[in-house]
Amino acid sequence: MSRIAPVAVVIPAFNAAVTLGDTLRALLDQAPNPPDRILVVDDGSCDGTCAVAEGFASRFPDRIGLIRRHV
């Protein structure tokens, strides 16, 4: 089955370091059509949420992005 339009997923995140990696891996592993773009929007987390997102973004720069909202 082919996809008609690009698919983007936005993940709002706040202190989600424990679960964010699993979420991103699950999205990337969607077969046969993973999302074309995944955007993590950090809402001022004080745990390692940004570090997890940055790690994935560095490995998949064309697929995963990060927006940091400082509060």
C-alpha atoms as a PDB file:
ATOM      1  CA  MET A   1       0.000   0.000   0.000  1.00  0.00           C
ATOM      2  CA  SER A   2       1.464   3.365  -0.956  1.00  0.00           C
ATOM      3  CA  ARG A   3       0.987   6.554   1.000  1.00  0.00           C
ATOM      4  CA  ILE A   4      -0.747   9.441  -0.752  1.00  0.00           C
ATOM      5  CA  ALA A   5       0.463  12.308   1.449  1.00  0.00           C
ATOM      6  CA  PRO A   6       3.450  12.772   3.765  1.00  0.00           C
ATOM      7  CA  VAL A   7       2.767  11.975   7.402  1.00  0.00           C
ATOM      8  CA  ALA A   8       4.155  14.041  10.266  1.00  0.00           C
ATOM      9  CA  VAL A   9       3.829  13.237  13.959  1.00  0.00           C
ATOM     10  CA  VAL A  10       4.132  15.876  16.697  1.00  0.00           C
ATOM     11  CA  ILE A  11       5.016  14.657  20.182  1.00  0.00           C
ATOM     12  CA  PRO A  12       4.410  17.179  22.962  1.00  0.00           C
ATOM     13  CA  ALA A  13       6.741  16.218  25.799  1.00  0.00           C
ATOM     14  CA  PHE A  14       7.259  17.296  29.399  1.00  0.00           C
ATOM     15  CA  ASN A  15       9.594  15.266  31.616  1.00  0.00           C
ATOM     16  CA  ALA A  16       9.204  12.289  29.276  1.00  0.00           C
ATOM     17  CA  ALA A  17      12.789  11.002  29.288  1.00  0.00           C
ATOM     18  CA  VAL A  18      11.703   7.582  30.573  1.00  0.00           C
ATOM     19  CA  THR A  19       9.200   6.937  27.762  1.00  0.00           C
ATOM     20  CA  LEU A  20      10.313   9.122  24.845  1.00  0.00           C
ATOM     21  CA  GLY A  21      12.895   6.686  23.485  1.00  0.00           C
ATOM     22  CA  ASP A  22      10.342   3.867  23.316  1.00  0.00           C
ATOM     23  CA  THR A  23       7.848   6.185  21.640  1.00  0.00           C
ATOM     24  CA  LEU A  24      10.331   7.301  18.987  1.00  0.00           C
ATOM     25  CA  ARG A  25      11.517   3.733  18.328  1.00  0.00           C
ATOM     26  CA  ALA A  26       7.906   2.566  17.940  1.00  0.00           C
ATOM     27  CA  LEU A  27       7.211   5.314  15.402  1.00  0.00           C
ATOM     28  CA  LEU A  28      10.390   4.609  13.433  1.00  0.00           C
ATOM     29  CA  ASP A  29       9.586   0.882  13.371  1.00  0.00           C
ATOM     30  CA  GLN A  30       6.118   1.338  11.831  1.00  0.00           C
ATOM     31  CA  ALA A  31       6.032  -0.913   8.801  1.00  0.00           C
ATOM     32  CA  PRO A  32       5.639  -0.474   5.946  1.00  0.00           C
ATOM     33  CA  ASN A  33       5.158   3.307   6.256  1.00  0.00           C
ATOM     34  CA  PRO A  34       6.852   5.068   9.164  1.00  0.00           C
ATOM     35  CA  PRO A  35       6.141   8.805   9.535  1.00  0.00           C
ATOM     36  CA  ASP A  36       8.074  11.052   7.178  1.00  0.00           C
ATOM     37  CA  ARG A  37       8.779  13.543   9.961  1.00  0.00           C
ATOM     38  CA  ILE A  38       8.637  13.365  13.762  1.00  0.00           C
ATOM     39  CA  LEU A  39       8.773  16.559  15.773  1.00  0.00           C
ATOM     40  CA  VAL A  40       9.318  16.498  19.541  1.00  0.00           C
ATOM     41  CA  VAL A  41       8.166  19.690  21.272  1.00  0.00           C
ATOM     42  CA  ASP A  42       9.732  19.916  24.717  1.00  0.00           C
ATOM     43  CA  ASP A  43       7.727  22.048  27.133  1.00  0.00           C
ATOM     44  CA  GLY A  44      10.507  23.018  29.539  1.00  0.00           C
ATOM     45  CA  SER A  45      11.389  19.574  30.870  1.00  0.00           C
ATOM     46  CA  CYS A  46      13.827  19.349  33.752  1.00  0.00           C
ATOM     47  CA  ASP A  47      14.795  15.711  33.170  1.00  0.00           C
ATOM     48  CA  GLY A  48      16.661  14.216  30.213  1.00  0.00           C
ATOM     49  CA  THR A  49      13.862  14.620  27.666  1.00  0.00           C
ATOM     50  CA  CYS A  50      15.871  16.959  25.426  1.00  0.00           C
ATOM     51  CA  ALA A  51      18.930  14.707  25.576  1.00  0.00           C
ATOM     52  CA  VAL A  52      16.855  11.717  24.432  1.00  0.00           C
ATOM     53  CA  ALA A  53      15.287  13.731  21.600  1.00  0.00           C
ATOM     54  CA  GLU A  54      18.661  15.181  20.560  1.00  0.00           C
ATOM     55  CA  GLY A  55      20.178  11.689  20.464  1.00  0.00           C
ATOM     56  CA  PHE A  56      17.484  10.466  18.089  1.00  0.00           C
ATOM     57  CA  ALA A  57      17.635  13.674  16.034  1.00  0.00           C
ATOM     58  CA  SER A  58      21.381  13.256  15.560  1.00  0.00           C
ATOM     59  CA  ARG A  59      20.886   9.679  14.319  1.00  0.00           C
ATOM     60  CA  PHE A  60      17.886  10.539  12.124  1.00  0.00           C
ATOM     61  CA  PRO A  61      18.365  14.225  11.210  1.00  0.00           C
ATOM     62  CA  ASP A  62      16.117  14.029   8.151  1.00  0.00           C
ATOM     63  CA  ARG A  63      13.258  12.445  10.127  1.00  0.00           C
ATOM     64  CA  ILE A  64      13.336  13.760  13.716  1.00  0.00           C
ATOM     65  CA  GLY A  65      13.398  17.361  14.942  1.00  0.00           C
ATOM     66  CA  LEU A  66      13.261  19.044  18.345  1.00  0.00           C
ATOM     67  CA  ILE A  67      11.710  22.322  19.438  1.00  0.00           C
ATOM     68  CA  ARG A  68      12.569  23.489  22.926  1.00  0.00           C
ATOM     69  CA  ARG A  69      10.181  25.718  24.786  1.00  0.00           C
ATOM     70  CA  HIS A  70      11.909  27.371  27.719  1.00  0.00           C
ATOM     71  CA  VAL A  71       9.580  28.346  30.527  1.00  0.00           C
END
